[in-house]
């Protein structure tokens, strides 16, 4: 039965992921299937680290950590799918405590979304049992609440200011609403389901804005993606079309100015959407350095500084986009499992009260933590923020890379929204150092962009930057390609 649970998680990662990793999941000829499963879901048993990221081994073997959230005291709460347990990790004392979920023997668990209410009770979704659970850490008591729609696949969960519990039904295509004072364990009492006026195949992420509206994403991979909200005051829905590049929107979260950052889990794209004027800017992550072709940004969360953190599932990175500085910073995950094409399956993340970012490594039996207070030792700036280029022509753009000391040599990087992988396809870009300044701590480059006649006219975004020591910094450039 555990193997079935693993397959459920892998399938739910997204259709795009299943297609992209199919080759790597296929058992090799002559290799016992059970041995392959153990290798794939248990990890190496080694906690790796780099300058920015530290990994912790989970003391329960093959635990398959997935859902994660953090309480106000800084304790990390995890869902351990391989054991059907909830775990609490105290990072100060380095102590794990686990609690067995009271399933029947033949039941499984698949927990993606977790959140704590104001009283300290833990709520989480469970796709396998089609239920929402509540766990009281003080009483060590679990309660299971049944979703009325069968096989709804509850995925994300969100608790609003009124302590109403919301969840998305990925395959039920409904928003779930729970009144905690009315629920009754073992029943559907206190659960209300709301059906959006438009239907795509799947609902994805979930977020609340400052106006109390409950936002969600919708997708039919790989054909269409939309975002919408439910207005709790007006008891009404509104649905927005997204740009054609965003066809698989999943993660959604809001920045301090009220714009939604939406992640496309069928490409390397993410979008900043302003509901006030319906304007959307589309960006891309850097290109994947694993054996998998696209980065697949997934779930998003905002930290105390307004930066939006998200995982790049297939690029093996955790990253943040800072709307204030208009920069993207990407951190490499130290573990890169060759059995999975060079990734650790970092699938969920959470922001701690001290600003650190914790994430689960589903197939590695680990959790990782990023310390964003460690400064990135270089900066990137562009001499222009927007350029126009005619088909069949070239232009040059000034780029400055400033280093903390002259001993480091960042590697230049460029990606663009010309393809779902971030690769430039028909466009070409080349960096040419022009001069070193200020004792070699600043280098001026000329970036030469060439647009062949085969490039379609339109608006694109280039992400220009550099990488060094496990971190990448990128800044966006608006590019308009005109007819010759």
Foldseek 3Di string as FASTA:
>chain_A
DLVVVVVVVQPVLDPLSCVQQVVLQDDDPPDDPVVLLLPFQFADPDWDDFPFKTKDFDPPTSQQWAEWEADQVGWIWTQRFSQQWIWTADVVVRDIDIAHDPDDPPFGFDWHEWDAFPVGWIWTATQRQQWIWIADVVVRDIFTAHDPDPSQRWHYWDQDPVRWIWTHRFQVQWIKTADVVFTDGPYNTRIDTGHAPDAERTKAEWEAFPQGWIKTKHAHPPFAIKIKTQRPVVRHIDIGGDPNLQHAWHAWYAFPVGWIWTFRQNFQKIWTAHPVVRDIDIWGDFFAPFQGGGQRWHYWDAFPQRWIWTHRQRSQWIWTARPVVQKIKIFHDRAQDVSRRTHQRFHDWYAHPVGKIKTDRRRHSMIMIGDPVPDDFKDKDWPDQEDEAEAQDKDKTKMKIAGNDQPWDWAKGKFKPQDRRRHPVQKDKDWDWDDADDNNRMTIIIIMIHHHQPRDFDKMKMWIWTDDRRMTMTHIHIYTYHYD
